[in-house]
Amino acid sequence: MTADVGRPWTDSELAEQVLSDPEAFTAVHDRYFRPVYRYVAGRLDAQTAEDIAAETFLVAFDQRKRFDPQRGALRPWLFGIATNLVARHRRAEARRLKALARVGPDVVAGGHEDQVVTSLTAQRMLPQLARGLAALSQGERDAVMLLALGQLGYEEIAQALGVSSGTVGSRLSRARTKLRALIEEENVHG
């Protein structure tokens, strides 16, 4: 199979091509490395994120014959691999979030007025958000991070985590409730 000039392969065509021609995996990497990296970078430090994003594609390449297009698309499959690799760093992630929660906001200098206000608000909320994320279960945190950083939909999150859409909905609902309660409590006592 070859792509028509000017027409990129669909995910299913690309998955099919990768099975018969390993060199076609370059197109998978080119299409999805950046979103996978952004997702992982939102959870871990930049250097580790680069390593894990690269490892995600190494694992995917090694396991490409096990990919089943009937079970889902390439994107959630890759995010599932990345999530599993991030889970290996679970303890470090929890320590990082706890440390981040203890750090107060820094002062931002310069920039456009709206950007400054947005930045200061985000920095002020960062310790609360970090404490909230650290308080979530690993499953809840994975679902929130895939939604917020990976920008995956419920079905894609379900595929990535190997759970049902209902489980994703439940995890996100519990996470929202916990985060909202923590922020409200801190606003009352803060």
N, C-alpha and C. Protein backbone atom coordinates (compact mmCIF):
# COMPACT_ATOMS: atom_id res chain seq x y z
N MET A 1 0.86 -1.18 0.00
CA MET A 1 0.00 0.00 0.00
C MET A 1 0.90 1.23 0.00
N THR A 2 0.59 2.19 -0.80
CA THR A 2 1.30 3.46 -0.80
C THR A 2 0.28 4.56 -0.65
N ALA A 3 0.69 5.62 -0.01
CA ALA A 3 -0.21 6.75 0.19
C ALA A 3 -0.31 7.54 -1.10
N ASP A 4 -1.51 8.05 -1.37
CA ASP A 4 -1.67 8.94 -2.51
C ASP A 4 -0.88 10.20 -2.25
N VAL A 5 -0.34 10.79 -3.30
CA VAL A 5 0.42 12.02 -3.15
C VAL A 5 -0.51 13.07 -2.55
N GLY A 6 -0.06 13.72 -1.49
CA GLY A 6 -0.85 14.78 -0.86
C GLY A 6 -1.88 14.26 0.13
N ARG A 7 -2.05 12.93 0.25
CA ARG A 7 -3.03 12.37 1.19
C ARG A 7 -2.28 11.51 2.21
N PRO A 8 -2.30 11.94 3.47
CA PRO A 8 -1.61 11.14 4.49
C PRO A 8 -2.39 9.85 4.77
N TRP A 9 -1.68 8.85 5.26
CA TRP A 9 -2.32 7.60 5.65
C TRP A 9 -3.23 7.83 6.83
N THR A 10 -4.36 7.13 6.85
CA THR A 10 -5.19 7.12 8.05
C THR A 10 -4.48 6.24 9.08
N ASP A 11 -4.91 6.29 10.30
CA ASP A 11 -4.30 5.45 11.34
C ASP A 11 -4.42 3.97 10.99
N SER A 12 -5.59 3.55 10.51
CA SER A 12 -5.75 2.13 10.21
C SER A 12 -4.87 1.71 9.03
N GLU A 13 -4.73 2.57 8.02
CA GLU A 13 -3.83 2.27 6.90
C GLU A 13 -2.39 2.22 7.38
N LEU A 14 -2.03 3.15 8.25
CA LEU A 14 -0.68 3.21 8.77
C LEU A 14 -0.38 1.96 9.61
N ALA A 15 -1.32 1.56 10.45
CA ALA A 15 -1.14 0.36 11.28
C ALA A 15 -0.95 -0.86 10.39
N GLU A 16 -1.73 -0.96 9.34
CA GLU A 16 -1.60 -2.06 8.39
C GLU A 16 -0.23 -2.04 7.72
N GLN A 17 0.20 -0.87 7.31
CA GLN A 17 1.47 -0.72 6.61
C GLN A 17 2.65 -1.11 7.52
N VAL A 18 2.57 -0.71 8.79
CA VAL A 18 3.65 -0.99 9.73
C VAL A 18 3.83 -2.49 9.92
N LEU A 19 2.74 -3.25 9.86
CA LEU A 19 2.83 -4.70 10.02
C LEU A 19 3.61 -5.35 8.89
N SER A 20 3.47 -4.82 7.69
CA SER A 20 4.17 -5.43 6.55
C SER A 20 5.49 -4.75 6.22
N ASP A 21 5.65 -3.48 6.63
CA ASP A 21 6.87 -2.74 6.31
C ASP A 21 7.34 -1.98 7.55
N PRO A 22 8.27 -2.55 8.33
CA PRO A 22 8.71 -1.91 9.57
C PRO A 22 9.22 -0.47 9.37
N GLU A 23 9.74 -0.16 8.19
CA GLU A 23 10.25 1.19 7.96
C GLU A 23 9.12 2.22 7.96
N ALA A 24 7.90 1.78 7.76
CA ALA A 24 6.75 2.69 7.80
C ALA A 24 6.50 3.20 9.21
N PHE A 25 7.12 2.56 10.22
CA PHE A 25 6.94 2.99 11.60
C PHE A 25 7.44 4.42 11.81
N THR A 26 8.32 4.87 10.94
CA THR A 26 8.80 6.26 11.01
C THR A 26 7.62 7.23 10.94
N ALA A 27 6.63 6.90 10.13
CA ALA A 27 5.45 7.76 10.01
C ALA A 27 4.67 7.79 11.33
N VAL A 28 4.61 6.67 12.04
CA VAL A 28 3.95 6.63 13.35
C VAL A 28 4.69 7.55 14.31
N HIS A 29 6.00 7.42 14.33
CA HIS A 29 6.83 8.27 15.19
C HIS A 29 6.62 9.74 14.85
N ASP A 30 6.70 10.07 13.57
CA ASP A 30 6.55 11.46 13.15
C ASP A 30 5.18 12.03 13.52
N ARG A 31 4.16 11.21 13.43
CA ARG A 31 2.80 11.67 13.70
C ARG A 31 2.53 11.85 15.19
N TYR A 32 3.09 10.97 16.03
CA TYR A 32 2.67 10.93 17.43
C TYR A 32 3.74 11.24 18.46
N PHE A 33 4.98 11.42 18.07
CA PHE A 33 6.01 11.66 19.08
C PHE A 33 5.70 12.91 19.91
N ARG A 34 5.40 14.00 19.24
CA ARG A 34 5.17 15.26 19.95
C ARG A 34 4.02 15.18 20.96
N PRO A 35 2.83 14.66 20.58
CA PRO A 35 1.77 14.57 21.59
C PRO A 35 2.12 13.63 22.76
N VAL A 36 2.79 12.52 22.46
CA VAL A 36 3.19 11.61 23.53
C VAL A 36 4.20 12.31 24.45
N TYR A 37 5.16 12.99 23.85
CA TYR A 37 6.15 13.72 24.65
C TYR A 37 5.47 14.76 25.55
N ARG A 38 4.53 15.55 24.98
CA ARG A 38 3.85 16.59 25.79
C ARG A 38 3.11 15.96 26.97
N TYR A 39 2.46 14.83 26.70
CA TYR A 39 1.74 14.14 27.77
C TYR A 39 2.70 13.72 28.88
N VAL A 40 3.78 13.06 28.51
CA VAL A 40 4.74 12.58 29.50
C VAL A 40 5.43 13.75 30.19
N ALA A 41 5.76 14.80 29.44
CA ALA A 41 6.43 15.97 30.03
C ALA A 41 5.54 16.65 31.06
N GLY A 42 4.24 16.55 30.90
CA GLY A 42 3.33 17.11 31.89
C GLY A 42 3.31 16.33 33.18
N ARG A 43 3.81 15.10 33.14
CA ARG A 43 3.81 14.25 34.32
C ARG A 43 5.18 14.12 34.95
N LEU A 44 6.22 14.25 34.16
CA LEU A 44 7.58 14.04 34.64
C LEU A 44 8.47 15.18 34.16
N ASP A 45 9.71 15.22 34.62
CA ASP A 45 10.63 16.25 34.18
C ASP A 45 10.96 16.07 32.69
N ALA A 46 11.47 17.13 32.07
CA ALA A 46 11.69 17.14 30.61
C ALA A 46 12.64 16.04 30.16
N GLN A 47 13.73 15.82 30.87
CA GLN A 47 14.70 14.79 30.44
C GLN A 47 14.07 13.40 30.52
N THR A 48 13.40 13.12 31.61
CA THR A 48 12.74 11.83 31.76
C THR A 48 11.65 11.69 30.71
N ALA A 49 10.94 12.78 30.44
CA ALA A 49 9.88 12.74 29.44
C ALA A 49 10.44 12.38 28.07
N GLU A 50 11.56 12.95 27.72
CA GLU A 50 12.16 12.63 26.43
C GLU A 50 12.55 11.16 26.38
N ASP A 51 13.12 10.68 27.47
CA ASP A 51 13.51 9.26 27.54
C ASP A 51 12.30 8.35 27.44
N ILE A 52 11.24 8.68 28.18
CA ILE A 52 10.06 7.83 28.18
C ILE A 52 9.32 7.91 26.85
N ALA A 53 9.26 9.09 26.25
CA ALA A 53 8.62 9.21 24.94
C ALA A 53 9.38 8.36 23.92
N ALA A 54 10.70 8.44 23.95
CA ALA A 54 11.50 7.62 23.03
C ALA A 54 11.29 6.13 23.32
N GLU A 55 11.27 5.78 24.60
CA GLU A 55 11.06 4.38 24.98
C GLU A 55 9.67 3.89 24.56
N THR A 56 8.69 4.80 24.59
CA THR A 56 7.34 4.45 24.15
C THR A 56 7.37 3.94 22.72
N PHE A 57 8.10 4.63 21.86
CA PHE A 57 8.15 4.24 20.46
C PHE A 57 9.02 3.01 20.24
N LEU A 58 10.01 2.81 21.08
CA LEU A 58 10.82 1.59 21.01
C LEU A 58 9.95 0.39 21.37
N VAL A 59 9.19 0.51 22.46
CA VAL A 59 8.30 -0.56 22.88
C VAL A 59 7.24 -0.81 21.80
N ALA A 60 6.66 0.26 21.28
CA ALA A 60 5.63 0.13 20.24
C ALA A 60 6.20 -0.57 19.01
N PHE A 61 7.40 -0.19 18.62
CA PHE A 61 8.02 -0.82 17.45
C PHE A 61 8.24 -2.31 17.72
N ASP A 62 8.78 -2.62 18.90
CA ASP A 62 9.03 -4.02 19.24
C ASP A 62 7.73 -4.83 19.32
N GLN A 63 6.64 -4.18 19.71
CA GLN A 63 5.37 -4.89 19.90
C GLN A 63 4.38 -4.63 18.76
N ARG A 64 4.83 -4.05 17.67
CA ARG A 64 3.93 -3.66 16.58
C ARG A 64 3.10 -4.82 16.05
N LYS A 65 3.62 -6.02 16.07
CA LYS A 65 2.87 -7.18 15.57
C LYS A 65 1.74 -7.57 16.54
N ARG A 66 1.82 -7.09 17.78
CA ARG A 66 0.76 -7.36 18.77
C ARG A 66 -0.34 -6.31 18.72
N PHE A 67 -0.12 -5.22 17.98
CA PHE A 67 -1.15 -4.18 17.89
C PHE A 67 -2.37 -4.75 17.15
N ASP A 68 -3.54 -4.55 17.73
CA ASP A 68 -4.78 -5.04 17.14
C ASP A 68 -5.69 -3.86 16.84
N PRO A 69 -5.81 -3.49 15.55
CA PRO A 69 -6.65 -2.34 15.19
C PRO A 69 -8.12 -2.52 15.59
N GLN A 70 -8.54 -3.77 15.80
CA GLN A 70 -9.92 -4.02 16.22
C GLN A 70 -10.17 -3.55 17.66
N ARG A 71 -9.09 -3.45 18.45
CA ARG A 71 -9.22 -3.03 19.84
C ARG A 71 -9.08 -1.53 20.02
N GLY A 72 -8.66 -0.81 18.98
CA GLY A 72 -8.51 0.62 19.09
C GLY A 72 -7.51 1.17 18.09
N ALA A 73 -7.31 2.47 18.15
CA ALA A 73 -6.45 3.16 17.21
C ALA A 73 -5.02 3.24 17.74
N LEU A 74 -4.11 3.67 16.87
CA LEU A 74 -2.70 3.81 17.24
C LEU A 74 -2.50 4.80 18.38
N ARG A 75 -3.17 5.95 18.31
CA ARG A 75 -2.95 7.01 19.30
C ARG A 75 -3.18 6.53 20.73
N PRO A 76 -4.36 5.97 21.06
CA PRO A 76 -4.54 5.51 22.43
C PRO A 76 -3.62 4.34 22.79
N TRP A 77 -3.26 3.50 21.82
CA TRP A 77 -2.32 2.41 22.07
C TRP A 77 -0.97 2.99 22.53
N LEU A 78 -0.49 4.00 21.82
CA LEU A 78 0.78 4.64 22.18
C LEU A 78 0.68 5.33 23.54
N PHE A 79 -0.44 6.01 23.80
CA PHE A 79 -0.61 6.67 25.10
C PHE A 79 -0.70 5.63 26.22
N GLY A 80 -1.27 4.47 25.93
CA GLY A 80 -1.31 3.39 26.92
C GLY A 80 0.09 2.90 27.27
N ILE A 81 0.93 2.74 26.25
CA ILE A 81 2.32 2.34 26.49
C ILE A 81 3.02 3.41 27.32
N ALA A 82 2.84 4.68 26.94
CA ALA A 82 3.48 5.77 27.68
C ALA A 82 3.00 5.79 29.13
N THR A 83 1.71 5.59 29.35
CA THR A 83 1.16 5.58 30.71
C THR A 83 1.77 4.44 31.53
N ASN A 84 1.93 3.29 30.91
CA ASN A 84 2.56 2.17 31.62
C ASN A 84 4.00 2.48 31.97
N LEU A 85 4.71 3.15 31.07
CA LEU A 85 6.10 3.52 31.36
C LEU A 85 6.17 4.58 32.45
N VAL A 86 5.22 5.50 32.44
CA VAL A 86 5.18 6.51 33.50
C VAL A 86 4.91 5.83 34.85
N ALA A 87 4.09 4.79 34.83
CA ALA A 87 3.78 4.08 36.08
C ALA A 87 5.04 3.51 36.73
N ARG A 88 6.03 3.19 35.93
CA ARG A 88 7.30 2.71 36.49
C ARG A 88 7.97 3.80 37.33
N HIS A 89 7.63 5.02 37.04
CA HIS A 89 8.20 6.16 37.76
C HIS A 89 7.23 6.69 38.81
N ARG A 90 6.27 5.87 39.21
CA ARG A 90 5.20 6.27 40.12
C ARG A 90 5.71 6.89 41.42
N ARG A 91 6.64 6.24 42.04
CA ARG A 91 7.13 6.77 43.32
C ARG A 91 7.83 8.11 43.13
N ALA A 92 8.63 8.22 42.09
CA ALA A 92 9.31 9.50 41.83
C ALA A 92 8.29 10.59 41.52
N GLU A 93 7.26 10.24 40.77
CA GLU A 93 6.22 11.21 40.44
C GLU A 93 5.52 11.70 41.71
N ALA A 94 5.19 10.78 42.60
CA ALA A 94 4.51 11.16 43.85
C ALA A 94 5.41 12.06 44.70
N ARG A 95 6.71 11.71 44.78
CA ARG A 95 7.63 12.56 45.55
C ARG A 95 7.72 13.94 44.92
N ARG A 96 7.76 14.01 43.59
CA ARG A 96 7.86 15.29 42.89
C ARG A 96 6.62 16.15 43.14
N LEU A 97 5.43 15.53 43.10
CA LEU A 97 4.20 16.29 43.34
C LEU A 97 4.13 16.79 44.78
N LYS A 98 4.59 15.97 45.72
CA LYS A 98 4.59 16.40 47.12
C LYS A 98 5.56 17.56 47.33
N ALA A 99 6.72 17.48 46.69
CA ALA A 99 7.69 18.58 46.80
C ALA A 99 7.16 19.84 46.14
N LEU A 100 6.52 19.69 45.01
CA LEU A 100 5.94 20.83 44.30
C LEU A 100 4.85 21.49 45.13
N ALA A 101 4.12 20.67 45.88
CA ALA A 101 3.05 21.21 46.72
C ALA A 101 3.59 22.09 47.85
N ARG A 102 4.83 21.81 48.28
CA ARG A 102 5.43 22.60 49.36
C ARG A 102 6.01 23.92 48.86
N VAL A 103 6.20 24.05 47.55
CA VAL A 103 6.82 25.24 46.97
C VAL A 103 5.75 26.30 46.74
N GLY A 104 6.01 27.50 47.16
CA GLY A 104 5.08 28.60 46.93
C GLY A 104 5.28 29.20 45.56
N PRO A 105 4.37 30.05 45.12
CA PRO A 105 4.49 30.67 43.81
C PRO A 105 5.67 31.65 43.75
N ASP A 106 6.34 31.68 42.62
CA ASP A 106 7.42 32.63 42.36
C ASP A 106 6.83 33.87 41.70
N VAL A 107 7.56 34.96 41.75
CA VAL A 107 7.12 36.19 41.11
C VAL A 107 7.53 36.15 39.64
N VAL A 108 6.59 36.51 38.76
CA VAL A 108 6.85 36.55 37.33
C VAL A 108 7.09 37.99 36.92
N ALA A 109 8.11 38.23 36.14
CA ALA A 109 8.42 39.59 35.71
C ALA A 109 8.12 39.75 34.23
N GLY A 110 7.61 40.93 33.85
CA GLY A 110 7.44 41.29 32.43
C GLY A 110 6.31 40.53 31.76
N GLY A 111 6.10 40.86 30.47
CA GLY A 111 5.10 40.17 29.67
C GLY A 111 3.84 40.97 29.51
N HIS A 112 3.01 40.49 28.67
CA HIS A 112 1.71 41.12 28.41
C HIS A 112 0.84 41.00 29.66
N GLU A 113 0.02 42.01 29.90
CA GLU A 113 -0.79 42.07 31.13
C GLU A 113 -1.62 40.81 31.34
N ASP A 114 -2.30 40.33 30.32
CA ASP A 114 -3.12 39.13 30.46
C ASP A 114 -2.27 37.90 30.76
N GLN A 115 -1.11 37.82 30.13
CA GLN A 115 -0.23 36.68 30.36
C GLN A 115 0.29 36.70 31.80
N VAL A 116 0.57 37.88 32.30
CA VAL A 116 1.06 38.01 33.68
C VAL A 116 -0.02 37.56 34.65
N VAL A 117 -1.25 38.04 34.46
CA VAL A 117 -2.35 37.67 35.36
C VAL A 117 -2.57 36.17 35.30
N THR A 118 -2.60 35.61 34.10
CA THR A 118 -2.81 34.17 33.95
C THR A 118 -1.67 33.40 34.60
N SER A 119 -0.46 33.83 34.38
CA SER A 119 0.71 33.15 34.95
C SER A 119 0.69 33.19 36.47
N LEU A 120 0.39 34.34 37.05
CA LEU A 120 0.35 34.47 38.50
C LEU A 120 -0.76 33.61 39.10
N THR A 121 -1.91 33.59 38.44
CA THR A 121 -3.01 32.77 38.92
C THR A 121 -2.63 31.30 38.87
N ALA A 122 -2.02 30.88 37.76
CA ALA A 122 -1.60 29.49 37.63
C ALA A 122 -0.55 29.14 38.67
N GLN A 123 0.38 30.03 38.91
CA GLN A 123 1.42 29.76 39.91
C GLN A 123 0.83 29.67 41.31
N ARG A 124 -0.15 30.53 41.57
CA ARG A 124 -0.80 30.52 42.88
C ARG A 124 -1.55 29.19 43.09
N MET A 125 -2.12 28.65 42.03
CA MET A 125 -2.89 27.42 42.12
C MET A 125 -2.00 26.16 42.05
N LEU A 126 -0.78 26.30 41.60
CA LEU A 126 0.09 25.14 41.39
C LEU A 126 0.27 24.29 42.64
N PRO A 127 0.56 24.87 43.80
CA PRO A 127 0.71 24.01 44.99
C PRO A 127 -0.58 23.25 45.32
N GLN A 128 -1.73 23.91 45.20
CA GLN A 128 -3.00 23.25 45.47
C GLN A 128 -3.23 22.11 44.47
N LEU A 129 -2.98 22.38 43.21
CA LEU A 129 -3.17 21.36 42.18
C LEU A 129 -2.22 20.19 42.40
N ALA A 130 -0.98 20.48 42.72
CA ALA A 130 0.00 19.42 42.96
C ALA A 130 -0.42 18.56 44.15
N ARG A 131 -0.88 19.18 45.25
CA ARG A 131 -1.35 18.42 46.40
C ARG A 131 -2.56 17.56 46.00
N GLY A 132 -3.44 18.15 45.22
CA GLY A 132 -4.62 17.40 44.78
C GLY A 132 -4.25 16.21 43.91
N LEU A 133 -3.34 16.41 42.97
CA LEU A 133 -2.91 15.31 42.11
C LEU A 133 -2.22 14.22 42.91
N ALA A 134 -1.42 14.62 43.88
CA ALA A 134 -0.73 13.63 44.72
C ALA A 134 -1.73 12.82 45.55
N ALA A 135 -2.88 13.42 45.88
CA ALA A 135 -3.88 12.74 46.71
C ALA A 135 -4.74 11.77 45.90
N LEU A 136 -4.71 11.86 44.58
CA LEU A 136 -5.51 10.97 43.75
C LEU A 136 -4.88 9.58 43.70
N SER A 137 -5.72 8.59 43.44
CA SER A 137 -5.18 7.25 43.21
C SER A 137 -4.43 7.28 41.87
N GLN A 138 -3.58 6.29 41.64
CA GLN A 138 -2.83 6.24 40.38
C GLN A 138 -3.78 6.19 39.18
N GLY A 139 -4.85 5.41 39.27
CA GLY A 139 -5.82 5.31 38.18
C GLY A 139 -6.51 6.64 37.89
N GLU A 140 -6.88 7.34 38.96
CA GLU A 140 -7.51 8.66 38.79
C GLU A 140 -6.52 9.64 38.19
N ARG A 141 -5.28 9.64 38.69
CA ARG A 141 -4.26 10.56 38.19
C ARG A 141 -3.96 10.26 36.71
N ASP A 142 -3.85 8.98 36.35
CA ASP A 142 -3.61 8.63 34.94
C ASP A 142 -4.73 9.16 34.05
N ALA A 143 -5.98 8.97 34.47
CA ALA A 143 -7.12 9.43 33.67
C ALA A 143 -7.11 10.96 33.52
N VAL A 144 -6.85 11.67 34.62
CA VAL A 144 -6.81 13.14 34.57
C VAL A 144 -5.69 13.61 33.65
N MET A 145 -4.52 13.00 33.78
CA MET A 145 -3.37 13.42 32.96
C MET A 145 -3.59 13.10 31.48
N LEU A 146 -4.20 11.96 31.18
CA LEU A 146 -4.48 11.64 29.77
C LEU A 146 -5.50 12.61 29.19
N LEU A 147 -6.47 13.02 30.01
CA LEU A 147 -7.46 13.98 29.56
C LEU A 147 -6.85 15.37 29.39
N ALA A 148 -6.16 15.84 30.43
CA ALA A 148 -5.66 17.21 30.43
C ALA A 148 -4.41 17.39 29.57
N LEU A 149 -3.46 16.51 29.69
CA LEU A 149 -2.20 16.69 28.99
C LEU A 149 -2.17 15.96 27.64
N GLY A 150 -2.75 14.77 27.61
CA GLY A 150 -2.76 14.01 26.37
C GLY A 150 -3.89 14.43 25.44
N GLN A 151 -4.87 15.13 26.00
CA GLN A 151 -6.04 15.58 25.27
C GLN A 151 -6.77 14.43 24.58
N LEU A 152 -6.83 13.30 25.29
CA LEU A 152 -7.56 12.15 24.79
C LEU A 152 -9.00 12.23 25.25
N GLY A 153 -9.90 11.67 24.47
CA GLY A 153 -11.30 11.56 24.85
C GLY A 153 -11.51 10.35 25.75
N TYR A 154 -12.71 10.21 26.30
CA TYR A 154 -13.00 9.12 27.23
C TYR A 154 -12.71 7.75 26.60
N GLU A 155 -13.15 7.53 25.37
CA GLU A 155 -12.92 6.24 24.69
C GLU A 155 -11.43 5.97 24.53
N GLU A 156 -10.69 7.01 24.15
CA GLU A 156 -9.25 6.84 23.96
C GLU A 156 -8.55 6.56 25.29
N ILE A 157 -9.00 7.24 26.35
CA ILE A 157 -8.43 7.00 27.68
C ILE A 157 -8.71 5.56 28.09
N ALA A 158 -9.94 5.10 27.83
CA ALA A 158 -10.31 3.73 28.16
C ALA A 158 -9.40 2.74 27.43
N GLN A 159 -9.16 3.00 26.15
CA GLN A 159 -8.27 2.13 25.37
C GLN A 159 -6.85 2.18 25.91
N ALA A 160 -6.38 3.38 26.23
CA ALA A 160 -5.01 3.54 26.71
C ALA A 160 -4.78 2.83 28.03
N LEU A 161 -5.78 2.85 28.91
CA LEU A 161 -5.63 2.25 30.23
C LEU A 161 -6.15 0.82 30.30
N GLY A 162 -6.81 0.37 29.23
CA GLY A 162 -7.34 -0.99 29.22
C GLY A 162 -8.51 -1.18 30.17
N VAL A 163 -9.34 -0.13 30.29
CA VAL A 163 -10.53 -0.19 31.15
C VAL A 163 -11.74 0.24 30.32
N SER A 164 -12.91 0.16 30.90
CA SER A 164 -14.13 0.57 30.20
C SER A 164 -14.29 2.09 30.24
N SER A 165 -15.10 2.62 29.34
CA SER A 165 -15.40 4.06 29.35
C SER A 165 -16.09 4.46 30.64
N GLY A 166 -16.91 3.57 31.17
CA GLY A 166 -17.59 3.85 32.44
C GLY A 166 -16.59 4.01 33.58
N THR A 167 -15.55 3.19 33.57
CA THR A 167 -14.51 3.30 34.59
C THR A 167 -13.78 4.62 34.46
N VAL A 168 -13.52 5.04 33.22
CA VAL A 168 -12.87 6.33 32.99
C VAL A 168 -13.75 7.44 33.55
N GLY A 169 -15.04 7.40 33.24
CA GLY A 169 -15.97 8.40 33.74
C GLY A 169 -15.99 8.45 35.26
N SER A 170 -16.00 7.28 35.88
CA SER A 170 -16.00 7.21 37.36
C SER A 170 -14.71 7.78 37.93
N ARG A 171 -13.58 7.40 37.34
CA ARG A 171 -12.30 7.90 37.84
C ARG A 171 -12.22 9.42 37.71
N LEU A 172 -12.65 9.95 36.58
CA LEU A 172 -12.60 11.40 36.38
C LEU A 172 -13.56 12.12 37.31
N SER A 173 -14.72 11.54 37.53
CA SER A 173 -15.69 12.14 38.44
C SER A 173 -15.14 12.18 39.87
N ARG A 174 -14.57 11.06 40.32
CA ARG A 174 -13.98 11.03 41.67
C ARG A 174 -12.82 12.02 41.77
N ALA A 175 -12.01 12.09 40.72
CA ALA A 175 -10.86 13.00 40.73
C ALA A 175 -11.33 14.45 40.82
N ARG A 176 -12.34 14.81 40.03
CA ARG A 176 -12.87 16.18 40.08
C ARG A 176 -13.40 16.51 41.47
N THR A 177 -14.13 15.57 42.06
CA THR A 177 -14.69 15.78 43.39
C THR A 177 -13.58 15.99 44.42
N LYS A 178 -12.55 15.16 44.37
CA LYS A 178 -11.43 15.29 45.31
C LYS A 178 -10.69 16.61 45.10
N LEU A 179 -10.42 16.96 43.84
CA LEU A 179 -9.69 18.20 43.56
C LEU A 179 -10.50 19.42 43.99
N ARG A 180 -11.79 19.41 43.68
CA ARG A 180 -12.66 20.54 44.06
C ARG A 180 -12.71 20.70 45.57
N ALA A 181 -12.85 19.58 46.30
CA ALA A 181 -12.92 19.64 47.76
C ALA A 181 -11.62 20.17 48.35
N LEU A 182 -10.49 19.73 47.82
CA LEU A 182 -9.20 20.19 48.33
C LEU A 182 -9.03 21.69 48.10
N ILE A 183 -9.38 22.16 46.91
CA ILE A 183 -9.22 23.58 46.58
C ILE A 183 -10.17 24.42 47.44
N GLU A 184 -11.42 23.96 47.61
CA GLU A 184 -12.36 24.70 48.45
C GLU A 184 -11.89 24.75 49.90
N GLU A 185 -11.37 23.62 50.40
CA GLU A 185 -10.87 23.57 51.77
C GLU A 185 -9.70 24.53 51.95
N GLU A 186 -8.79 24.56 51.00
CA GLU A 186 -7.64 25.44 51.11
C GLU A 186 -8.04 26.90 50.98
N ASN A 187 -9.07 27.18 50.18
CA ASN A 187 -9.54 28.57 50.03
C ASN A 187 -10.18 29.05 51.33
N VAL A 188 -10.85 28.15 52.04
CA VAL A 188 -11.49 28.50 53.32
C VAL A 188 -10.43 28.70 54.40
N HIS A 189 -9.43 27.83 54.44
CA HIS A 189 -8.40 27.88 55.47
C HIS A 189 -7.18 28.69 55.05
N GLY A 190 -7.08 29.01 53.76
CA GLY A 190 -5.89 29.71 53.26
C GLY A 190 -6.04 31.14 53.32
